[in-house]
Amino acid sequence: MPDDVVVEDTQGLAQFKLLLPEANALDSRDVKAFRIDPVIALQNVHDGVAAILAIDEARIRAELPTLDLDMVRALPDLAQAVSYSARRAELMVSPSALALLKEANEWRNTLLAVAEALAAAGLLSPAKIKKIRKGTGGIDRAKDCVDLAAILTENAAAIRGKNPLTAAQIKRAGEVGAELLNTLKPKGSPRQRRSKEAREASKERDRLGTLLVQRYDLVRRAGAWFFGEQADDHVPPLGSVRRRRSKPKT
């Protein structure tokens, strides 16, 4: 997902509306809290489904006749619905989070671009900056603003004359990140204080997430059948973070 995408976008909304009734039909006893990063899950679902559908359909039907290929084809839509519901649940914590998140997203992209350029020049730690880029979601973006502001402030002397940002801009980015963190994760806020809408949004995320886990498990089993020990390379676990492999030389 591109860095400039923020949670107020409607990507996945249509899939959310279409698939929520199926998720609501699940037995409540089977529903589990969905804690997997939805962006990572979406990418892994795309990769896993593509790997299975690349196999000759006649072979699939012959060897795994009970595998519902229509269900497999629809899994990316379900993953999109989960991603949308997760963003929605996160924002339901506070109506003020939307504006803060948009500003934090802008500061995060600006500071990260500067930090990566400075790291490439050997003025900042590349490992620290690379770790920050891995974060996803509103809370991670808020933390990124705080962390990036801290890194640029701590290394002010080393990057003087090479940093295009002013001290005021860096300070503002850190303040926005801290404020957003307090908005999304208010300290000492008991669960019962959350609004009815916020609780409902979390339930919908967990129901859709449970449905995704259940159905993707069938794809993982198919991957184990067709790819054996290399199954994880072709049909990765839902929450796995993997290095992108370079294509083999021909």
C-alpha atoms as a PDB file:
ATOM      1  CA  MET A   1       0.000   0.000   0.000  1.00  0.00           C
ATOM      2  CA  PRO A   2       1.464   3.422  -0.919  1.00  0.00           C
ATOM      3  CA  ASP A   3       2.750   5.655   1.884  1.00  0.00           C
ATOM      4  CA  ASP A   4       0.320   8.460   1.050  1.00  0.00           C
ATOM      5  CA  VAL A   5      -2.765   6.317   1.655  1.00  0.00           C
ATOM      6  CA  VAL A   6      -4.489   7.277   4.896  1.00  0.00           C
ATOM      7  CA  VAL A   7      -7.286   5.601   6.739  1.00  0.00           C
ATOM      8  CA  GLU A   8     -10.069   7.901   5.599  1.00  0.00           C
ATOM      9  CA  ASP A   9      -9.919   6.316   2.136  1.00  0.00           C
ATOM     10  CA  THR A  10     -12.788   4.058   1.097  1.00  0.00           C
ATOM     11  CA  GLN A  11     -10.683   1.267  -0.362  1.00  0.00           C
ATOM     12  CA  GLY A  12     -12.369  -1.963   0.692  1.00  0.00           C
ATOM     13  CA  LEU A  13     -15.693  -0.345   1.610  1.00  0.00           C
ATOM     14  CA  ALA A  14     -17.651  -2.148  -1.116  1.00  0.00           C
ATOM     15  CA  GLN A  15     -16.125  -5.485  -0.116  1.00  0.00           C
ATOM     16  CA  PHE A  16     -16.831  -4.686   3.542  1.00  0.00           C
ATOM     17  CA  LYS A  17     -20.538  -4.141   2.864  1.00  0.00           C
ATOM     18  CA  LEU A  18     -20.761  -7.244   0.683  1.00  0.00           C
ATOM     19  CA  LEU A  19     -19.008  -9.667   3.021  1.00  0.00           C
ATOM     20  CA  LEU A  20     -20.055  -8.420   6.456  1.00  0.00           C
ATOM     21  CA  PRO A  21     -23.307 -10.473   6.408  1.00  0.00           C
ATOM     22  CA  GLU A  22     -21.245 -13.652   5.936  1.00  0.00           C
ATOM     23  CA  ALA A  23     -18.990 -12.659   8.817  1.00  0.00           C
ATOM     24  CA  ASN A  24     -21.983 -11.876  11.010  1.00  0.00           C
ATOM     25  CA  ALA A  25     -23.295 -15.376  10.344  1.00  0.00           C
ATOM     26  CA  LEU A  26     -20.321 -16.917  12.152  1.00  0.00           C
ATOM     27  CA  ASP A  27     -20.922 -18.587  15.477  1.00  0.00           C
ATOM     28  CA  SER A  28     -19.843 -16.071  18.131  1.00  0.00           C
ATOM     29  CA  ARG A  29     -17.907 -18.824  19.894  1.00  0.00           C
ATOM     30  CA  ASP A  30     -15.636 -19.130  16.862  1.00  0.00           C
ATOM     31  CA  VAL A  31     -14.817 -15.422  16.572  1.00  0.00           C
ATOM     32  CA  LYS A  32     -11.287 -14.454  17.652  1.00  0.00           C
ATOM     33  CA  ALA A  33      -9.726 -11.027  18.065  1.00  0.00           C
ATOM     34  CA  PHE A  34      -7.931 -10.111  14.841  1.00  0.00           C
ATOM     35  CA  ARG A  35      -4.401  -8.934  15.716  1.00  0.00           C
ATOM     36  CA  ILE A  36      -2.643  -9.473  12.383  1.00  0.00           C
ATOM     37  CA  ASP A  37      -1.448  -6.409  10.483  1.00  0.00           C
ATOM     38  CA  PRO A  38      -4.144  -6.065   7.790  1.00  0.00           C
ATOM     39  CA  VAL A  39      -1.726  -4.621   5.225  1.00  0.00           C
ATOM     40  CA  ILE A  40       0.618  -7.596   5.586  1.00  0.00           C
ATOM     41  CA  ALA A  41      -2.334  -9.994   5.544  1.00  0.00           C
ATOM     42  CA  LEU A  42      -3.630  -8.443   2.330  1.00  0.00           C
ATOM     43  CA  GLN A  43      -0.285  -8.879   0.572  1.00  0.00           C
ATOM     44  CA  ASN A  44       0.102 -12.465   1.751  1.00  0.00           C
ATOM     45  CA  VAL A  45      -3.414 -13.333   0.625  1.00  0.00           C
ATOM     46  CA  HIS A  46      -2.688 -11.909  -2.833  1.00  0.00           C
ATOM     47  CA  ASP A  47       0.523 -13.951  -3.065  1.00  0.00           C
ATOM     48  CA  GLY A  48      -1.019 -17.156  -1.729  1.00  0.00           C
ATOM     49  CA  VAL A  49      -4.101 -17.004  -3.929  1.00  0.00           C
ATOM     50  CA  ALA A  50      -2.003 -16.224  -7.012  1.00  0.00           C
ATOM     51  CA  ALA A  51       0.206 -19.245  -6.308  1.00  0.00           C
ATOM     52  CA  ILE A  52      -2.759 -21.620  -6.059  1.00  0.00           C
ATOM     53  CA  LEU A  53      -4.591 -20.226  -9.080  1.00  0.00           C
ATOM     54  CA  ALA A  54      -1.417 -20.536 -11.162  1.00  0.00           C
ATOM     55  CA  ILE A  55      -1.752 -24.321 -10.862  1.00  0.00           C
ATOM     56  CA  ASP A  56      -3.677 -26.011 -13.645  1.00  0.00           C
ATOM     57  CA  GLU A  57      -7.328 -26.001 -12.657  1.00  0.00           C
ATOM     58  CA  ALA A  58      -7.878 -29.541 -13.864  1.00  0.00           C
ATOM     59  CA  ARG A  59      -5.118 -30.728 -11.545  1.00  0.00           C
ATOM     60  CA  ILE A  60      -6.634 -28.874  -8.597  1.00  0.00           C
ATOM     61  CA  ARG A  61     -10.051 -30.370  -9.212  1.00  0.00           C
ATOM     62  CA  ALA A  62      -8.561 -33.837  -9.614  1.00  0.00           C
ATOM     63  CA  GLU A  63      -6.340 -33.760  -6.527  1.00  0.00           C
ATOM     64  CA  LEU A  64      -8.361 -31.465  -4.220  1.00  0.00           C
ATOM     65  CA  PRO A  65     -11.963 -31.767  -5.411  1.00  0.00           C
ATOM     66  CA  THR A  66     -13.377 -30.218  -2.227  1.00  0.00           C
ATOM     67  CA  LEU A  67     -11.391 -26.975  -2.590  1.00  0.00           C
ATOM     68  CA  ASP A  68     -13.828 -24.209  -3.534  1.00  0.00           C
ATOM     69  CA  LEU A  69     -12.000 -22.220  -6.210  1.00  0.00           C
ATOM     70  CA  ASP A  70     -14.617 -19.478  -6.202  1.00  0.00           C
ATOM     71  CA  MET A  71     -13.903 -18.992  -2.502  1.00  0.00           C
ATOM     72  CA  VAL A  72     -10.184 -18.852  -3.246  1.00  0.00           C
ATOM     73  CA  ARG A  73     -10.692 -16.231  -5.965  1.00  0.00           C
ATOM     74  CA  ALA A  74     -12.781 -14.112  -3.585  1.00  0.00           C
ATOM     75  CA  LEU A  75     -10.212 -14.095  -0.773  1.00  0.00           C
ATOM     76  CA  PRO A  76      -8.460 -10.859  -1.864  1.00  0.00           C
ATOM     77  CA  ASP A  77     -11.830  -9.110  -1.590  1.00  0.00           C
ATOM     78  CA  LEU A  78     -12.263 -10.497   1.915  1.00  0.00           C
ATOM     79  CA  ALA A  79      -8.774  -9.290   2.840  1.00  0.00           C
ATOM     80  CA  GLN A  80      -9.695  -5.831   1.513  1.00  0.00           C
ATOM     81  CA  ALA A  81     -12.811  -5.881   3.690  1.00  0.00           C
ATOM     82  CA  VAL A  82     -10.722  -6.787   6.726  1.00  0.00           C
ATOM     83  CA  SER A  83      -8.267  -3.985   5.973  1.00  0.00           C
ATOM     84  CA  TYR A  84     -11.090  -1.461   5.701  1.00  0.00           C
ATOM     85  CA  SER A  85     -12.771  -2.661   8.898  1.00  0.00           C
ATOM     86  CA  ALA A  86      -9.467  -2.508  10.791  1.00  0.00           C
ATOM     87  CA  ARG A  87      -8.893   1.104   9.719  1.00  0.00           C
ATOM     88  CA  ARG A  88     -12.479   1.941  10.617  1.00  0.00           C
ATOM     89  CA  ALA A  89     -12.201   0.357  14.063  1.00  0.00           C
ATOM     90  CA  GLU A  90      -8.983   2.221  14.767  1.00  0.00           C
ATOM     91  CA  LEU A  91     -10.513   5.582  13.903  1.00  0.00           C
ATOM     92  CA  MET A  92     -13.696   4.962  15.860  1.00  0.00           C
ATOM     93  CA  VAL A  93     -11.730   5.612  19.049  1.00  0.00           C
ATOM     94  CA  SER A  94     -12.148   9.358  18.565  1.00  0.00           C
ATOM     95  CA  PRO A  95     -13.648  11.588  15.861  1.00  0.00           C
ATOM     96  CA  SER A  96     -10.694  13.967  16.221  1.00  0.00           C
ATOM     97  CA  ALA A  97      -8.314  11.210  15.120  1.00  0.00           C
ATOM     98  CA  LEU A  98      -9.071  11.658  11.422  1.00  0.00           C
ATOM     99  CA  ALA A  99      -7.601  15.161  11.057  1.00  0.00           C
ATOM    100  CA  LEU A 100      -4.659  14.275  13.284  1.00  0.00           C
ATOM    101  CA  LEU A 101      -3.952  11.121  11.335  1.00  0.00           C
ATOM    102  CA  LYS A 102      -3.961  12.986   8.045  1.00  0.00           C
ATOM    103  CA  GLU A 103      -1.464  15.526   9.360  1.00  0.00           C
ATOM    104  CA  ALA A 104       0.659  12.823  10.972  1.00  0.00           C
ATOM    105  CA  ASN A 105       0.718  10.913   7.691  1.00  0.00           C
ATOM    106  CA  GLU A 106       1.992  14.002   5.864  1.00  0.00           C
ATOM    107  CA  TRP A 107       4.681  14.708   8.479  1.00  0.00           C
ATOM    108  CA  ARG A 108       5.717  11.073   8.577  1.00  0.00           C
ATOM    109  CA  ASN A 109       6.243  10.960   4.810  1.00  0.00           C
ATOM    110  CA  THR A 110       8.184  14.236   4.834  1.00  0.00           C
ATOM    111  CA  LEU A 111      10.452  13.359   7.743  1.00  0.00           C
ATOM    112  CA  LEU A 112      11.002   9.816   6.505  1.00  0.00           C
ATOM    113  CA  ALA A 113      12.088  11.029   3.055  1.00  0.00           C
ATOM    114  CA  VAL A 114      14.590  13.419   4.654  1.00  0.00           C
ATOM    115  CA  ALA A 115      15.830  10.798   7.129  1.00  0.00           C
ATOM    116  CA  GLU A 116      16.362   8.208   4.396  1.00  0.00           C
ATOM    117  CA  ALA A 117      18.360  10.691   2.333  1.00  0.00           C
ATOM    118  CA  LEU A 118      20.507  11.552   5.357  1.00  0.00           C
ATOM    119  CA  ALA A 119      20.966   7.865   6.153  1.00  0.00           C
ATOM    120  CA  ALA A 120      22.056   7.207   2.567  1.00  0.00           C
ATOM    121  CA  ALA A 121      24.648   9.949   3.037  1.00  0.00           C
ATOM    122  CA  GLY A 122      25.946   8.210   6.144  1.00  0.00           C
ATOM    123  CA  LEU A 123      24.685  10.852   8.572  1.00  0.00           C
ATOM    124  CA  LEU A 124      22.003   8.747  10.255  1.00  0.00           C
ATOM    125  CA  SER A 125      21.651   5.062  11.092  1.00  0.00           C
ATOM    126  CA  PRO A 126      20.130   3.245   8.078  1.00  0.00           C
ATOM    127  CA  ALA A 127      18.941   0.402  10.320  1.00  0.00           C
ATOM    128  CA  LYS A 128      16.874   2.728  12.518  1.00  0.00           C
ATOM    129  CA  ILE A 129      15.262   4.446   9.545  1.00  0.00           C
ATOM    130  CA  LYS A 130      14.537   1.137   7.809  1.00  0.00           C
ATOM    131  CA  LYS A 131      12.815  -0.127  10.949  1.00  0.00           C
ATOM    132  CA  ILE A 132      10.587   2.948  11.046  1.00  0.00           C
ATOM    133  CA  ARG A 133       9.470   2.472   7.438  1.00  0.00           C
ATOM    134  CA  LYS A 134       8.153  -1.014   8.243  1.00  0.00           C
ATOM    135  CA  GLY A 135       5.393   0.335  10.476  1.00  0.00           C
ATOM    136  CA  THR A 136       1.785   0.426   9.282  1.00  0.00           C
ATOM    137  CA  GLY A 137      -1.487   1.700  10.693  1.00  0.00           C
ATOM    138  CA  GLY A 138      -2.432   4.844  12.562  1.00  0.00           C
ATOM    139  CA  ILE A 139      -0.622   4.073  15.816  1.00  0.00           C
ATOM    140  CA  ASP A 140       2.560   3.134  13.972  1.00  0.00           C
ATOM    141  CA  ARG A 141       2.431   6.344  11.945  1.00  0.00           C
ATOM    142  CA  ALA A 142       2.037   8.354  15.136  1.00  0.00           C
ATOM    143  CA  LYS A 143       5.048   6.569  16.630  1.00  0.00           C
ATOM    144  CA  ASP A 144       6.979   7.187  13.409  1.00  0.00           C
ATOM    145  CA  CYS A 145       6.444  10.943  13.766  1.00  0.00           C
ATOM    146  CA  VAL A 146       7.663  10.871  17.360  1.00  0.00           C
ATOM    147  CA  ASP A 147      10.659   8.652  16.561  1.00  0.00           C
ATOM    148  CA  LEU A 148      11.704  10.551  13.441  1.00  0.00           C
ATOM    149  CA  ALA A 149      11.451  13.895  15.231  1.00  0.00           C
ATOM    150  CA  ALA A 150      13.595  12.490  18.044  1.00  0.00           C
ATOM    151  CA  ILE A 151      16.247  11.129  15.658  1.00  0.00           C
ATOM    152  CA  LEU A 152      16.515  14.383  13.710  1.00  0.00           C
ATOM    153  CA  THR A 153      16.666  16.407  16.925  1.00  0.00           C
ATOM    154  CA  GLU A 154      19.278  14.194  18.552  1.00  0.00           C
ATOM    155  CA  ASN A 155      21.467  14.363  15.428  1.00  0.00           C
ATOM    156  CA  ALA A 156      20.944  18.076  14.775  1.00  0.00           C
ATOM    157  CA  ALA A 157      24.659  18.852  14.966  1.00  0.00           C
ATOM    158  CA  ALA A 158      25.653  16.058  12.585  1.00  0.00           C
ATOM    159  CA  ILE A 159      23.074  16.985   9.944  1.00  0.00           C
ATOM    160  CA  ARG A 160      23.351  20.765  10.219  1.00  0.00           C
ATOM    161  CA  GLY A 161      23.421  22.326   6.765  1.00  0.00           C
ATOM    162  CA  LYS A 162      22.111  19.145   5.141  1.00  0.00           C
ATOM    163  CA  ASN A 163      18.672  18.975   6.753  1.00  0.00           C
ATOM    164  CA  PRO A 164      16.035  20.941   4.772  1.00  0.00           C
ATOM    165  CA  LEU A 165      13.591  20.903   7.701  1.00  0.00           C
ATOM    166  CA  THR A 166      13.446  23.596  10.347  1.00  0.00           C
ATOM    167  CA  ALA A 167      13.505  22.905  14.066  1.00  0.00           C
ATOM    168  CA  ALA A 168       9.902  24.150  14.260  1.00  0.00           C
ATOM    169  CA  GLN A 169       8.759  21.670  11.617  1.00  0.00           C
ATOM    170  CA  ILE A 170      10.461  18.773  13.358  1.00  0.00           C
ATOM    171  CA  LYS A 171       8.953  19.826  16.682  1.00  0.00           C
ATOM    172  CA  ARG A 172       5.480  20.030  15.152  1.00  0.00           C
ATOM    173  CA  ALA A 173       5.799  16.535  13.680  1.00  0.00           C
ATOM    174  CA  GLY A 174       6.706  15.139  17.084  1.00  0.00           C
ATOM    175  CA  GLU A 175       3.811  16.973  18.751  1.00  0.00           C
ATOM    176  CA  VAL A 176       1.295  15.688  16.201  1.00  0.00           C
ATOM    177  CA  GLY A 177       2.561  12.140  16.653  1.00  0.00           C
ATOM    178  CA  ALA A 178       2.320  12.355  20.443  1.00  0.00           C
ATOM    179  CA  GLU A 179      -1.163  13.860  20.298  1.00  0.00           C
ATOM    180  CA  LEU A 180      -2.340  11.163  17.905  1.00  0.00           C
ATOM    181  CA  LEU A 181      -0.971   8.442  20.158  1.00  0.00           C
ATOM    182  CA  ASN A 182      -2.938   9.876  23.069  1.00  0.00           C
ATOM    183  CA  THR A 183      -6.047  10.023  20.889  1.00  0.00           C
ATOM    184  CA  LEU A 184      -5.808   6.482  19.558  1.00  0.00           C
ATOM    185  CA  LYS A 185      -4.550   4.924  22.802  1.00  0.00           C
ATOM    186  CA  PRO A 186      -5.676   7.158  25.690  1.00  0.00           C
ATOM    187  CA  LYS A 187      -3.845   6.165  28.872  1.00  0.00           C
ATOM    188  CA  GLY A 188      -6.008   4.728  31.607  1.00  0.00           C
ATOM    189  CA  SER A 189      -9.118   4.717  29.439  1.00  0.00           C
ATOM    190  CA  PRO A 190     -11.240   1.725  30.487  1.00  0.00           C
ATOM    191  CA  ARG A 191     -12.772  -0.417  27.788  1.00  0.00           C
ATOM    192  CA  GLN A 192     -16.321   0.416  28.823  1.00  0.00           C
ATOM    193  CA  ARG A 193     -15.828   4.081  27.954  1.00  0.00           C
ATOM    194  CA  ARG A 194     -15.594   3.307  24.283  1.00  0.00           C
ATOM    195  CA  SER A 195     -18.641   4.303  22.314  1.00  0.00           C
ATOM    196  CA  LYS A 196     -21.165   1.774  21.122  1.00  0.00           C
ATOM    197  CA  GLU A 197     -20.042   2.478  17.546  1.00  0.00           C
ATOM    198  CA  ALA A 198     -16.396   1.830  18.440  1.00  0.00           C
ATOM    199  CA  ARG A 199     -17.216  -1.492  20.074  1.00  0.00           C
ATOM    200  CA  GLU A 200     -19.343  -2.510  17.094  1.00  0.00           C
ATOM    201  CA  ALA A 201     -16.561  -1.591  14.651  1.00  0.00           C
ATOM    202  CA  SER A 202     -14.109  -3.768  16.581  1.00  0.00           C
ATOM    203  CA  LYS A 203     -16.548  -6.676  16.543  1.00  0.00           C
ATOM    204  CA  GLU A 204     -17.000  -6.348  12.787  1.00  0.00           C
ATOM    205  CA  ARG A 205     -13.223  -6.315  12.299  1.00  0.00           C
ATOM    206  CA  ASP A 206     -12.843  -9.448  14.404  1.00  0.00           C
ATOM    207  CA  ARG A 207     -15.666 -11.263  12.606  1.00  0.00           C
ATOM    208  CA  LEU A 208     -14.281 -10.455   9.163  1.00  0.00           C
ATOM    209  CA  GLY A 209     -10.785 -11.291  10.365  1.00  0.00           C
ATOM    210  CA  THR A 210     -11.945 -14.647  11.693  1.00  0.00           C
ATOM    211  CA  LEU A 211     -13.629 -15.426   8.387  1.00  0.00           C
ATOM    212  CA  LEU A 212     -10.393 -14.556   6.563  1.00  0.00           C
ATOM    213  CA  VAL A 213      -8.304 -16.754   8.857  1.00  0.00           C
ATOM    214  CA  GLN A 214     -10.670 -19.693   8.404  1.00  0.00           C
ATOM    215  CA  ARG A 215     -10.818 -19.470   4.627  1.00  0.00           C
ATOM    216  CA  TYR A 216      -7.147 -18.707   4.089  1.00  0.00           C
ATOM    217  CA  ASP A 217      -6.324 -21.776   6.167  1.00  0.00           C
ATOM    218  CA  LEU A 218      -7.865 -23.855   3.367  1.00  0.00           C
ATOM    219  CA  VAL A 219      -5.557 -22.135   0.875  1.00  0.00           C
ATOM    220  CA  ARG A 220      -2.590 -22.853   3.140  1.00  0.00           C
ATOM    221  CA  ARG A 221      -3.557 -26.520   3.240  1.00  0.00           C
ATOM    222  CA  ALA A 222      -3.748 -26.570  -0.532  1.00  0.00           C
ATOM    223  CA  GLY A 223      -0.311 -24.957  -0.627  1.00  0.00           C
ATOM    224  CA  ALA A 224       1.073 -27.698   1.609  1.00  0.00           C
ATOM    225  CA  TRP A 225      -0.382 -30.313  -0.744  1.00  0.00           C
ATOM    226  CA  PHE A 226       1.011 -28.829  -3.943  1.00  0.00           C
ATOM    227  CA  PHE A 227       4.281 -27.258  -2.750  1.00  0.00           C
ATOM    228  CA  GLY A 228       5.339 -29.464   0.157  1.00  0.00           C
ATOM    229  CA  GLU A 229       8.225 -28.054   2.172  1.00  0.00           C
ATOM    230  CA  GLN A 230       8.264 -24.909   0.028  1.00  0.00           C
ATOM    231  CA  ALA A 231       4.641 -24.106   0.850  1.00  0.00           C
ATOM    232  CA  ASP A 232       5.480 -21.032   2.930  1.00  0.00           C
ATOM    233  CA  ASP A 233       7.379 -19.541   0.002  1.00  0.00           C
ATOM    234  CA  HIS A 234       4.346 -19.813  -2.257  1.00  0.00           C
ATOM    235  CA  VAL A 235       1.441 -19.522   0.183  1.00  0.00           C
ATOM    236  CA  PRO A 236       2.841 -17.518   3.113  1.00  0.00           C
ATOM    237  CA  PRO A 237       1.307 -17.535   6.581  1.00  0.00           C
ATOM    238  CA  LEU A 238      -1.243 -14.745   6.935  1.00  0.00           C
ATOM    239  CA  GLY A 239       0.835 -12.562   9.226  1.00  0.00           C
ATOM    240  CA  SER A 240       4.333 -13.366   7.979  1.00  0.00           C
ATOM    241  CA  VAL A 241       6.726 -10.582   7.034  1.00  0.00           C
ATOM    242  CA  ARG A 242       9.011 -11.777   4.270  1.00  0.00           C
ATOM    243  CA  ARG A 243      11.889 -10.450   2.268  1.00  0.00           C
ATOM    244  CA  ARG A 244      11.029 -10.085  -1.379  1.00  0.00           C
ATOM    245  CA  ARG A 245      13.001 -12.672  -3.316  1.00  0.00           C
ATOM    246  CA  SER A 246      14.773 -11.673  -6.486  1.00  0.00           C
ATOM    247  CA  LYS A 247      13.814 -13.610  -9.583  1.00  0.00           C
ATOM    248  CA  PRO A 248      16.233 -16.434 -10.407  1.00  0.00           C
ATOM    249  CA  LYS A 249      18.620 -15.799 -13.244  1.00  0.00           C
ATOM    250  CA  THR A 250      17.806 -17.590 -16.459  1.00  0.00           C
END
